[in-house]
mmCIF file of all heavy atoms, coordinates in Angstrom:
data_MODEL
# 
_entry.id   MODEL 
# 
loop_
_atom_site.group_PDB 
_atom_site.id 
_atom_site.type_symbol 
_atom_site.label_atom_id 
_atom_site.label_alt_id 
_atom_site.label_comp_id 
_atom_site.label_asym_id 
_atom_site.label_entity_id 
_atom_site.label_seq_id 
_atom_site.pdbx_PDB_ins_code 
_atom_site.Cartn_x 
_atom_site.Cartn_y 
_atom_site.Cartn_z 
_atom_site.occupancy 
_atom_site.B_iso_or_equiv 
_atom_site.pdbx_formal_charge 
_atom_site.auth_seq_id 
_atom_site.auth_comp_id 
_atom_site.auth_asym_id 
_atom_site.auth_atom_id 
_atom_site.pdbx_PDB_model_num 
ATOM 1   N N   . ARG A 1 1  ? 8.235   8.394   -2.147  1.00 0.00 ? 1  ARG A N   1 
ATOM 2   C CA  . ARG A 1 1  ? 9.181   9.137   -3.038  1.00 0.00 ? 1  ARG A CA  1 
ATOM 3   C C   . ARG A 1 1  ? 10.084  9.902   -2.130  1.00 0.00 ? 1  ARG A C   1 
ATOM 4   O O   . ARG A 1 1  ? 11.158  10.282  -2.574  1.00 0.00 ? 1  ARG A O   1 
ATOM 5   C CB  . ARG A 1 1  ? 8.349   9.998   -3.972  1.00 0.00 ? 1  ARG A CB  1 
ATOM 6   C CG  . ARG A 1 1  ? 7.694   9.299   -5.023  1.00 0.00 ? 1  ARG A CG  1 
ATOM 7   C CD  . ARG A 1 1  ? 7.068   10.285  -6.079  1.00 0.00 ? 1  ARG A CD  1 
ATOM 8   N NE  . ARG A 1 1  ? 6.397   9.579   -7.182  1.00 0.00 ? 1  ARG A NE  1 
ATOM 9   C CZ  . ARG A 1 1  ? 5.107   9.422   -7.335  1.00 0.00 ? 1  ARG A CZ  1 
ATOM 10  N NH1 . ARG A 1 1  ? 4.315   10.094  -6.475  1.00 0.00 ? 1  ARG A NH1 1 
ATOM 11  N NH2 . ARG A 1 1  ? 4.566   8.843   -8.374  1.00 0.00 ? 1  ARG A NH2 1 
ATOM 12  N N   . ASN A 1 2  ? 9.617   10.221  -1.031  1.00 0.00 ? 2  ASN A N   1 
ATOM 13  C CA  . ASN A 1 2  ? 10.378  11.075  -0.053  1.00 0.00 ? 2  ASN A CA  1 
ATOM 14  C C   . ASN A 1 2  ? 11.159  10.222  1.039   1.00 0.00 ? 2  ASN A C   1 
ATOM 15  O O   . ASN A 1 2  ? 12.153  10.737  1.553   1.00 0.00 ? 2  ASN A O   1 
ATOM 16  C CB  . ASN A 1 2  ? 9.588   12.096  0.643   1.00 0.00 ? 2  ASN A CB  1 
ATOM 17  C CG  . ASN A 1 2  ? 9.018   13.226  -0.244  1.00 0.00 ? 2  ASN A CG  1 
ATOM 18  O OD1 . ASN A 1 2  ? 9.838   14.250  -0.488  1.00 0.00 ? 2  ASN A OD1 1 
ATOM 19  N ND2 . ASN A 1 2  ? 7.874   13.165  -0.770  1.00 0.00 ? 2  ASN A ND2 1 
ATOM 20  N N   . ASN A 1 3  ? 10.782  9.000   1.155   1.00 0.00 ? 3  ASN A N   1 
ATOM 21  C CA  . ASN A 1 3  ? 11.473  8.041   2.051   1.00 0.00 ? 3  ASN A CA  1 
ATOM 22  C C   . ASN A 1 3  ? 11.170  6.659   1.663   1.00 0.00 ? 3  ASN A C   1 
ATOM 23  O O   . ASN A 1 3  ? 10.039  6.148   2.097   1.00 0.00 ? 3  ASN A O   1 
ATOM 24  C CB  . ASN A 1 3  ? 11.139  8.268   3.467   1.00 0.00 ? 3  ASN A CB  1 
ATOM 25  C CG  . ASN A 1 3  ? 11.850  7.389   4.429   1.00 0.00 ? 3  ASN A CG  1 
ATOM 26  O OD1 . ASN A 1 3  ? 12.659  6.536   4.053   1.00 0.00 ? 3  ASN A OD1 1 
ATOM 27  N ND2 . ASN A 1 3  ? 11.599  7.483   5.660   1.00 0.00 ? 3  ASN A ND2 1 
ATOM 28  N N   . SER A 1 4  ? 11.924  6.076   0.801   1.00 0.00 ? 4  SER A N   1 
ATOM 29  C CA  . SER A 1 4  ? 11.570  4.758   0.246   1.00 0.00 ? 4  SER A CA  1 
ATOM 30  C C   . SER A 1 4  ? 11.865  3.586   1.222   1.00 0.00 ? 4  SER A C   1 
ATOM 31  O O   . SER A 1 4  ? 11.568  2.430   0.890   1.00 0.00 ? 4  SER A O   1 
ATOM 32  C CB  . SER A 1 4  ? 12.382  4.524   -1.089  1.00 0.00 ? 4  SER A CB  1 
ATOM 33  O OG  . SER A 1 4  ? 13.689  4.624   -0.811  1.00 0.00 ? 4  SER A OG  1 
ATOM 34  N N   . THR A 1 5  ? 12.362  3.901   2.240   1.00 0.00 ? 5  THR A N   1 
ATOM 35  C CA  . THR A 1 5  ? 12.851  2.810   3.285   1.00 0.00 ? 5  THR A CA  1 
ATOM 36  C C   . THR A 1 5  ? 11.763  2.603   4.358   1.00 0.00 ? 5  THR A C   1 
ATOM 37  O O   . THR A 1 5  ? 12.092  1.639   5.127   1.00 0.00 ? 5  THR A O   1 
ATOM 38  C CB  . THR A 1 5  ? 14.203  3.204   3.895   1.00 0.00 ? 5  THR A CB  1 
ATOM 39  O OG1 . THR A 1 5  ? 14.132  4.366   4.646   1.00 0.00 ? 5  THR A OG1 1 
ATOM 40  C CG2 . THR A 1 5  ? 15.223  3.342   2.807   1.00 0.00 ? 5  THR A CG2 1 
ATOM 41  N N   . ASP A 1 6  ? 10.684  3.320   4.471   1.00 0.00 ? 6  ASP A N   1 
ATOM 42  C CA  . ASP A 1 6  ? 9.803   3.187   5.519   1.00 0.00 ? 6  ASP A CA  1 
ATOM 43  C C   . ASP A 1 6  ? 8.867   1.997   5.337   1.00 0.00 ? 6  ASP A C   1 
ATOM 44  O O   . ASP A 1 6  ? 8.147   1.982   4.460   1.00 0.00 ? 6  ASP A O   1 
ATOM 45  C CB  . ASP A 1 6  ? 8.939   4.503   5.552   1.00 0.00 ? 6  ASP A CB  1 
ATOM 46  C CG  . ASP A 1 6  ? 8.172   4.464   7.004   1.00 0.00 ? 6  ASP A CG  1 
ATOM 47  O OD1 . ASP A 1 6  ? 7.141   3.708   7.037   1.00 0.00 ? 6  ASP A OD1 1 
ATOM 48  O OD2 . ASP A 1 6  ? 8.572   5.260   7.822   1.00 0.00 ? 6  ASP A OD2 1 
ATOM 49  N N   . ASP A 1 7  ? 9.191   1.021   6.260   1.00 0.00 ? 7  ASP A N   1 
ATOM 50  C CA  . ASP A 1 7  ? 8.286   -0.238  6.074   1.00 0.00 ? 7  ASP A CA  1 
ATOM 51  C C   . ASP A 1 7  ? 6.958   -0.014  6.395   1.00 0.00 ? 7  ASP A C   1 
ATOM 52  O O   . ASP A 1 7  ? 6.145   -0.770  5.707   1.00 0.00 ? 7  ASP A O   1 
ATOM 53  C CB  . ASP A 1 7  ? 8.975   -1.303  7.186   1.00 0.00 ? 7  ASP A CB  1 
ATOM 54  C CG  . ASP A 1 7  ? 10.349  -1.793  6.739   1.00 0.00 ? 7  ASP A CG  1 
ATOM 55  O OD1 . ASP A 1 7  ? 10.789  -1.712  5.592   1.00 0.00 ? 7  ASP A OD1 1 
ATOM 56  O OD2 . ASP A 1 7  ? 11.035  -2.264  7.686   1.00 0.00 ? 7  ASP A OD2 1 
ATOM 57  N N   . GLU A 1 8  ? 6.621   0.785   7.248   1.00 0.00 ? 8  GLU A N   1 
ATOM 58  C CA  . GLU A 1 8  ? 5.167   1.054   7.542   1.00 0.00 ? 8  GLU A CA  1 
ATOM 59  C C   . GLU A 1 8  ? 4.459   1.657   6.317   1.00 0.00 ? 8  GLU A C   1 
ATOM 60  O O   . GLU A 1 8  ? 3.302   1.182   6.075   1.00 0.00 ? 8  GLU A O   1 
ATOM 61  C CB  . GLU A 1 8  ? 5.002   2.022   8.675   1.00 0.00 ? 8  GLU A CB  1 
ATOM 62  C CG  . GLU A 1 8  ? 3.546   2.117   9.346   1.00 0.00 ? 8  GLU A CG  1 
ATOM 63  C CD  . GLU A 1 8  ? 3.451   3.045   10.417  1.00 0.00 ? 8  GLU A CD  1 
ATOM 64  O OE1 . GLU A 1 8  ? 4.566   3.237   11.142  1.00 0.00 ? 8  GLU A OE1 1 
ATOM 65  O OE2 . GLU A 1 8  ? 2.409   3.465   10.726  1.00 0.00 ? 8  GLU A OE2 1 
ATOM 66  N N   . THR A 1 9  ? 5.079   2.530   5.714   1.00 0.00 ? 9  THR A N   1 
ATOM 67  C CA  . THR A 1 9  ? 4.529   3.195   4.509   1.00 0.00 ? 9  THR A CA  1 
ATOM 68  C C   . THR A 1 9  ? 4.275   2.151   3.440   1.00 0.00 ? 9  THR A C   1 
ATOM 69  O O   . THR A 1 9  ? 3.352   2.042   2.706   1.00 0.00 ? 9  THR A O   1 
ATOM 70  C CB  . THR A 1 9  ? 5.323   4.372   4.014   1.00 0.00 ? 9  THR A CB  1 
ATOM 71  O OG1 . THR A 1 9  ? 5.332   5.293   5.060   1.00 0.00 ? 9  THR A OG1 1 
ATOM 72  C CG2 . THR A 1 9  ? 4.647   4.946   2.797   1.00 0.00 ? 9  THR A CG2 1 
ATOM 73  N N   . ARG A 1 10 ? 5.280   1.289   3.175   1.00 0.00 ? 10 ARG A N   1 
ATOM 74  C CA  . ARG A 1 10 ? 5.327   0.164   2.185   1.00 0.00 ? 10 ARG A CA  1 
ATOM 75  C C   . ARG A 1 10 ? 4.219   -0.707  2.497   1.00 0.00 ? 10 ARG A C   1 
ATOM 76  O O   . ARG A 1 10 ? 3.553   -1.152  1.561   1.00 0.00 ? 10 ARG A O   1 
ATOM 77  C CB  . ARG A 1 10 ? 6.670   -0.484  2.195   1.00 0.00 ? 10 ARG A CB  1 
ATOM 78  C CG  . ARG A 1 10 ? 7.716   0.315   1.399   1.00 0.00 ? 10 ARG A CG  1 
ATOM 79  C CD  . ARG A 1 10 ? 8.844   -0.570  0.752   1.00 0.00 ? 10 ARG A CD  1 
ATOM 80  N NE  . ARG A 1 10 ? 9.541   -1.364  1.790   1.00 0.00 ? 10 ARG A NE  1 
ATOM 81  C CZ  . ARG A 1 10 ? 10.573  -1.084  2.374   1.00 0.00 ? 10 ARG A CZ  1 
ATOM 82  N NH1 . ARG A 1 10 ? 11.156  0.021   2.022   1.00 0.00 ? 10 ARG A NH1 1 
ATOM 83  N NH2 . ARG A 1 10 ? 11.044  -1.827  3.322   1.00 0.00 ? 10 ARG A NH2 1 
ATOM 84  N N   . TYR A 1 11 ? 4.001   -1.074  3.763   1.00 0.00 ? 11 TYR A N   1 
ATOM 85  C CA  . TYR A 1 11 ? 2.890   -2.004  4.190   1.00 0.00 ? 11 TYR A CA  1 
ATOM 86  C C   . TYR A 1 11 ? 1.582   -1.399  3.777   1.00 0.00 ? 11 TYR A C   1 
ATOM 87  O O   . TYR A 1 11 ? 0.740   -2.018  3.321   1.00 0.00 ? 11 TYR A O   1 
ATOM 88  C CB  . TYR A 1 11 ? 3.086   -2.381  5.607   1.00 0.00 ? 11 TYR A CB  1 
ATOM 89  C CG  . TYR A 1 11 ? 1.954   -3.164  6.144   1.00 0.00 ? 11 TYR A CG  1 
ATOM 90  C CD1 . TYR A 1 11 ? 1.846   -4.467  6.051   1.00 0.00 ? 11 TYR A CD1 1 
ATOM 91  C CD2 . TYR A 1 11 ? 0.817   -2.615  6.864   1.00 0.00 ? 11 TYR A CD2 1 
ATOM 92  C CE1 . TYR A 1 11 ? 0.890   -5.285  6.469   1.00 0.00 ? 11 TYR A CE1 1 
ATOM 93  C CE2 . TYR A 1 11 ? -0.254  -3.292  7.165   1.00 0.00 ? 11 TYR A CE2 1 
ATOM 94  C CZ  . TYR A 1 11 ? -0.254  -4.707  7.035   1.00 0.00 ? 11 TYR A CZ  1 
ATOM 95  O OH  . TYR A 1 11 ? -1.324  -5.432  7.524   1.00 0.00 ? 11 TYR A OH  1 
ATOM 96  N N   . ASN A 1 12 ? 1.408   -0.148  4.206   1.00 0.00 ? 12 ASN A N   1 
ATOM 97  C CA  . ASN A 1 12 ? 0.182   0.529   4.013   1.00 0.00 ? 12 ASN A CA  1 
ATOM 98  C C   . ASN A 1 12 ? -0.211  0.708   2.480   1.00 0.00 ? 12 ASN A C   1 
ATOM 99  O O   . ASN A 1 12 ? -1.312  0.527   2.130   1.00 0.00 ? 12 ASN A O   1 
ATOM 100 C CB  . ASN A 1 12 ? 0.044   1.882   4.707   1.00 0.00 ? 12 ASN A CB  1 
ATOM 101 C CG  . ASN A 1 12 ? -0.049  1.682   6.287   1.00 0.00 ? 12 ASN A CG  1 
ATOM 102 O OD1 . ASN A 1 12 ? -0.041  0.655   6.799   1.00 0.00 ? 12 ASN A OD1 1 
ATOM 103 N ND2 . ASN A 1 12 ? -0.155  2.839   6.843   1.00 0.00 ? 12 ASN A ND2 1 
ATOM 104 N N   . TYR A 1 13 ? 0.856   0.894   1.723   1.00 0.00 ? 13 TYR A N   1 
ATOM 105 C CA  . TYR A 1 13 ? 0.749   1.078   0.393   1.00 0.00 ? 13 TYR A CA  1 
ATOM 106 C C   . TYR A 1 13 ? 0.260   -0.274  -0.308  1.00 0.00 ? 13 TYR A C   1 
ATOM 107 O O   . TYR A 1 13 ? -0.773  -0.314  -1.170  1.00 0.00 ? 13 TYR A O   1 
ATOM 108 C CB  . TYR A 1 13 ? 2.158   1.474   -0.318  1.00 0.00 ? 13 TYR A CB  1 
ATOM 109 C CG  . TYR A 1 13 ? 2.224   1.449   -1.880  1.00 0.00 ? 13 TYR A CG  1 
ATOM 110 C CD1 . TYR A 1 13 ? 1.375   2.370   -2.673  1.00 0.00 ? 13 TYR A CD1 1 
ATOM 111 C CD2 . TYR A 1 13 ? 3.001   0.568   -2.481  1.00 0.00 ? 13 TYR A CD2 1 
ATOM 112 C CE1 . TYR A 1 13 ? 1.477   2.353   -3.919  1.00 0.00 ? 13 TYR A CE1 1 
ATOM 113 C CE2 . TYR A 1 13 ? 3.105   0.648   -3.918  1.00 0.00 ? 13 TYR A CE2 1 
ATOM 114 C CZ  . TYR A 1 13 ? 2.279   1.483   -4.568  1.00 0.00 ? 13 TYR A CZ  1 
ATOM 115 O OH  . TYR A 1 13 ? 2.444   1.518   -5.965  1.00 0.00 ? 13 TYR A OH  1 
ATOM 116 N N   . ALA A 1 14 ? 0.906   -1.400  0.120   1.00 0.00 ? 14 ALA A N   1 
ATOM 117 C CA  . ALA A 1 14 ? 0.363   -2.760  -0.296  1.00 0.00 ? 14 ALA A CA  1 
ATOM 118 C C   . ALA A 1 14 ? -0.914  -3.067  0.065   1.00 0.00 ? 14 ALA A C   1 
ATOM 119 O O   . ALA A 1 14 ? -1.725  -3.533  -0.711  1.00 0.00 ? 14 ALA A O   1 
ATOM 120 C CB  . ALA A 1 14 ? 1.499   -3.746  0.147   1.00 0.00 ? 14 ALA A CB  1 
ATOM 121 N N   . LEU A 1 15 ? -1.251  -2.635  1.286   1.00 0.00 ? 15 LEU A N   1 
ATOM 122 C CA  . LEU A 1 15 ? -2.652  -2.948  1.855   1.00 0.00 ? 15 LEU A CA  1 
ATOM 123 C C   . LEU A 1 15 ? -3.598  -2.126  0.979   1.00 0.00 ? 15 LEU A C   1 
ATOM 124 O O   . LEU A 1 15 ? -4.748  -2.773  0.617   1.00 0.00 ? 15 LEU A O   1 
ATOM 125 C CB  . LEU A 1 15 ? -2.654  -2.613  3.274   1.00 0.00 ? 15 LEU A CB  1 
ATOM 126 C CG  . LEU A 1 15 ? -3.984  -2.729  3.945   1.00 0.00 ? 15 LEU A CG  1 
ATOM 127 C CD1 . LEU A 1 15 ? -4.423  -4.230  3.883   1.00 0.00 ? 15 LEU A CD1 1 
ATOM 128 C CD2 . LEU A 1 15 ? -4.059  -2.323  5.455   1.00 0.00 ? 15 LEU A CD2 1 
ATOM 129 N N   . ALA A 1 16 ? -3.419  -0.852  0.744   1.00 0.00 ? 16 ALA A N   1 
ATOM 130 C CA  . ALA A 1 16 ? -4.335  0.020   0.033   1.00 0.00 ? 16 ALA A CA  1 
ATOM 131 C C   . ALA A 1 16 ? -4.629  -0.644  -1.378  1.00 0.00 ? 16 ALA A C   1 
ATOM 132 O O   . ALA A 1 16 ? -5.791  -0.740  -1.928  1.00 0.00 ? 16 ALA A O   1 
ATOM 133 C CB  . ALA A 1 16 ? -3.890  1.392   -0.174  1.00 0.00 ? 16 ALA A CB  1 
ATOM 134 N N   . LYS A 1 17 ? -3.535  -1.061  -2.057  1.00 0.00 ? 17 LYS A N   1 
ATOM 135 C CA  . LYS A 1 17 ? -3.790  -1.771  -3.304  1.00 0.00 ? 17 LYS A CA  1 
ATOM 136 C C   . LYS A 1 17 ? -4.560  -3.030  -3.312  1.00 0.00 ? 17 LYS A C   1 
ATOM 137 O O   . LYS A 1 17 ? -5.334  -3.316  -4.063  1.00 0.00 ? 17 LYS A O   1 
ATOM 138 C CB  . LYS A 1 17 ? -2.216  -2.109  -3.956  1.00 0.00 ? 17 LYS A CB  1 
ATOM 139 C CG  . LYS A 1 17 ? -1.517  -0.788  -4.437  1.00 0.00 ? 17 LYS A CG  1 
ATOM 140 C CD  . LYS A 1 17 ? -0.487  -1.137  -5.464  1.00 0.00 ? 17 LYS A CD  1 
ATOM 141 C CE  . LYS A 1 17 ? 0.609   -2.089  -4.952  1.00 0.00 ? 17 LYS A CE  1 
ATOM 142 N NZ  . LYS A 1 17 ? 1.704   -2.290  -5.853  1.00 0.00 ? 17 LYS A NZ  1 
ATOM 143 N N   . GLU A 1 18 ? -4.317  -3.787  -2.216  1.00 0.00 ? 18 GLU A N   1 
ATOM 144 C CA  . GLU A 1 18 ? -5.038  -5.023  -2.091  1.00 0.00 ? 18 GLU A CA  1 
ATOM 145 C C   . GLU A 1 18 ? -6.571  -4.769  -1.794  1.00 0.00 ? 18 GLU A C   1 
ATOM 146 O O   . GLU A 1 18 ? -7.397  -5.332  -2.445  1.00 0.00 ? 18 GLU A O   1 
ATOM 147 C CB  . GLU A 1 18 ? -4.586  -5.799  -0.880  1.00 0.00 ? 18 GLU A CB  1 
ATOM 148 C CG  . GLU A 1 18 ? -5.253  -7.109  -0.570  1.00 0.00 ? 18 GLU A CG  1 
ATOM 149 C CD  . GLU A 1 18 ? -4.725  -7.765  0.666   1.00 0.00 ? 18 GLU A CD  1 
ATOM 150 O OE1 . GLU A 1 18 ? -3.635  -7.561  1.037   1.00 0.00 ? 18 GLU A OE1 1 
ATOM 151 O OE2 . GLU A 1 18 ? -5.442  -8.549  1.285   1.00 0.00 ? 18 GLU A OE2 1 
ATOM 152 N N   . LEU A 1 19 ? -6.883  -3.693  -0.963  1.00 0.00 ? 19 LEU A N   1 
ATOM 153 C CA  . LEU A 1 19 ? -8.217  -3.338  -0.711  1.00 0.00 ? 19 LEU A CA  1 
ATOM 154 C C   . LEU A 1 19 ? -8.910  -2.824  -1.878  1.00 0.00 ? 19 LEU A C   1 
ATOM 155 O O   . LEU A 1 19 ? -10.125 -3.037  -2.129  1.00 0.00 ? 19 LEU A O   1 
ATOM 156 C CB  . LEU A 1 19 ? -8.262  -2.412  0.491   1.00 0.00 ? 19 LEU A CB  1 
ATOM 157 C CG  . LEU A 1 19 ? -7.885  -3.028  1.925   1.00 0.00 ? 19 LEU A CG  1 
ATOM 158 C CD1 . LEU A 1 19 ? -7.852  -1.806  2.903   1.00 0.00 ? 19 LEU A CD1 1 
ATOM 159 C CD2 . LEU A 1 19 ? -8.868  -4.027  2.296   1.00 0.00 ? 19 LEU A CD2 1 
ATOM 160 N N   . LEU A 1 20 ? -8.207  -2.036  -2.688  1.00 0.00 ? 20 LEU A N   1 
ATOM 161 C CA  . LEU A 1 20 ? -8.688  -1.537  -3.878  1.00 0.00 ? 20 LEU A CA  1 
ATOM 162 C C   . LEU A 1 20 ? -9.214  -2.536  -4.858  1.00 0.00 ? 20 LEU A C   1 
ATOM 163 O O   . LEU A 1 20 ? -10.255 -2.508  -5.524  1.00 0.00 ? 20 LEU A O   1 
ATOM 164 C CB  . LEU A 1 20 ? -7.813  -0.478  -4.604  1.00 0.00 ? 20 LEU A CB  1 
ATOM 165 C CG  . LEU A 1 20 ? -8.235  0.145   -5.901  1.00 0.00 ? 20 LEU A CG  1 
ATOM 166 C CD1 . LEU A 1 20 ? -9.472  0.965   -5.718  1.00 0.00 ? 20 LEU A CD1 1 
ATOM 167 C CD2 . LEU A 1 20 ? -7.095  0.964   -6.575  1.00 0.00 ? 20 LEU A CD2 1 
ATOM 168 N N   . GLU A 1 21 ? -8.264  -3.593  -4.970  1.00 0.00 ? 21 GLU A N   1 
ATOM 169 C CA  . GLU A 1 21 ? -8.542  -4.815  -5.851  1.00 0.00 ? 21 GLU A CA  1 
ATOM 170 C C   . GLU A 1 21 ? -9.815  -5.520  -5.327  1.00 0.00 ? 21 GLU A C   1 
ATOM 171 O O   . GLU A 1 21 ? -10.671 -5.831  -6.259  1.00 0.00 ? 21 GLU A O   1 
ATOM 172 C CB  . GLU A 1 21 ? -7.363  -5.689  -5.883  1.00 0.00 ? 21 GLU A CB  1 
ATOM 173 C CG  . GLU A 1 21 ? -7.453  -6.746  -7.023  1.00 0.00 ? 21 GLU A CG  1 
ATOM 174 C CD  . GLU A 1 21 ? -7.595  -6.125  -8.378  1.00 0.00 ? 21 GLU A CD  1 
ATOM 175 O OE1 . GLU A 1 21 ? -6.974  -5.206  -8.765  1.00 0.00 ? 21 GLU A OE1 1 
ATOM 176 O OE2 . GLU A 1 21 ? -8.441  -6.856  -9.232  1.00 0.00 ? 21 GLU A OE2 1 
ATOM 177 N N   . LYS A 1 22 ? -9.910  -5.655  -4.089  1.00 0.00 ? 22 LYS A N   1 
ATOM 178 C CA  . LYS A 1 22 ? -11.127 -6.438  -3.596  1.00 0.00 ? 22 LYS A CA  1 
ATOM 179 C C   . LYS A 1 22 ? -12.392 -5.518  -3.715  1.00 0.00 ? 22 LYS A C   1 
ATOM 180 O O   . LYS A 1 22 ? -13.385 -6.036  -4.084  1.00 0.00 ? 22 LYS A O   1 
ATOM 181 C CB  . LYS A 1 22 ? -10.869 -6.528  -2.010  1.00 0.00 ? 22 LYS A CB  1 
ATOM 182 C CG  . LYS A 1 22 ? -9.966  -7.659  -1.683  1.00 0.00 ? 22 LYS A CG  1 
ATOM 183 C CD  . LYS A 1 22 ? -9.845  -7.917  -0.179  1.00 0.00 ? 22 LYS A CD  1 
ATOM 184 C CE  . LYS A 1 22 ? -8.885  -9.059  0.214   1.00 0.00 ? 22 LYS A CE  1 
ATOM 185 N NZ  . LYS A 1 22 ? -8.771  -9.215  1.671   1.00 0.00 ? 22 LYS A NZ  1 
ATOM 186 N N   . GLU A 1 23 ? -12.204 -4.231  -3.703  1.00 0.00 ? 23 GLU A N   1 
ATOM 187 C CA  . GLU A 1 23 ? -13.312 -3.391  -3.866  1.00 0.00 ? 23 GLU A CA  1 
ATOM 188 C C   . GLU A 1 23 ? -13.856 -3.466  -5.334  1.00 0.00 ? 23 GLU A C   1 
ATOM 189 O O   . GLU A 1 23 ? -15.150 -3.447  -5.594  1.00 0.00 ? 23 GLU A O   1 
ATOM 190 C CB  . GLU A 1 23 ? -12.956 -1.956  -3.469  1.00 0.00 ? 23 GLU A CB  1 
ATOM 191 C CG  . GLU A 1 23 ? -14.155 -0.908  -3.598  1.00 0.00 ? 23 GLU A CG  1 
ATOM 192 C CD  . GLU A 1 23 ? -13.747 0.492   -3.311  1.00 0.00 ? 23 GLU A CD  1 
ATOM 193 O OE1 . GLU A 1 23 ? -12.960 0.978   -4.199  1.00 0.00 ? 23 GLU A OE1 1 
ATOM 194 O OE2 . GLU A 1 23 ? -14.080 1.050   -2.316  1.00 0.00 ? 23 GLU A OE2 1 
ATOM 195 N N   . LYS A 1 24 ? -12.883 -3.420  -6.272  1.00 0.00 ? 24 LYS A N   1 
ATOM 196 C CA  . LYS A 1 24 ? -13.172 -3.493  -7.597  1.00 0.00 ? 24 LYS A CA  1 
ATOM 197 C C   . LYS A 1 24 ? -13.911 -4.960  -8.022  1.00 0.00 ? 24 LYS A C   1 
ATOM 198 O O   . LYS A 1 24 ? -14.879 -4.968  -8.711  1.00 0.00 ? 24 LYS A O   1 
ATOM 199 C CB  . LYS A 1 24 ? -11.933 -3.401  -8.545  1.00 0.00 ? 24 LYS A CB  1 
ATOM 200 C CG  . LYS A 1 24 ? -11.422 -1.934  -8.626  1.00 0.00 ? 24 LYS A CG  1 
ATOM 201 C CD  . LYS A 1 24 ? -10.103 -1.946  -9.506  1.00 0.00 ? 24 LYS A CD  1 
ATOM 202 C CE  . LYS A 1 24 ? -9.598  -0.515  -9.639  1.00 0.00 ? 24 LYS A CE  1 
ATOM 203 N NZ  . LYS A 1 24 ? -8.371  -0.493  -10.438 1.00 0.00 ? 24 LYS A NZ  1 
ATOM 204 N N   . GLN A 1 25 ? -13.450 -6.012  -7.422  1.00 0.00 ? 25 GLN A N   1 
ATOM 205 C CA  . GLN A 1 25 ? -13.876 -7.293  -7.617  1.00 0.00 ? 25 GLN A CA  1 
ATOM 206 C C   . GLN A 1 25 ? -15.294 -7.437  -7.042  1.00 0.00 ? 25 GLN A C   1 
ATOM 207 O O   . GLN A 1 25 ? -16.238 -7.908  -7.573  1.00 0.00 ? 25 GLN A O   1 
ATOM 208 C CB  . GLN A 1 25 ? -13.057 -8.396  -6.926  1.00 0.00 ? 25 GLN A CB  1 
ATOM 209 C CG  . GLN A 1 25 ? -13.508 -9.739  -7.127  1.00 0.00 ? 25 GLN A CG  1 
ATOM 210 C CD  . GLN A 1 25 ? -13.426 -10.087 -8.707  1.00 0.00 ? 25 GLN A CD  1 
ATOM 211 O OE1 . GLN A 1 25 ? -12.508 -9.743  -9.401  1.00 0.00 ? 25 GLN A OE1 1 
ATOM 212 N NE2 . GLN A 1 25 ? -14.284 -10.996 -9.017  1.00 0.00 ? 25 GLN A NE2 1 
# 
């Protein structure tokens, strides 16, 4: 929300969602 262009943050965000889904499964 404070810097939407940061690729590293976007990557970590996507990775966190993926790991959460795996944890739920």
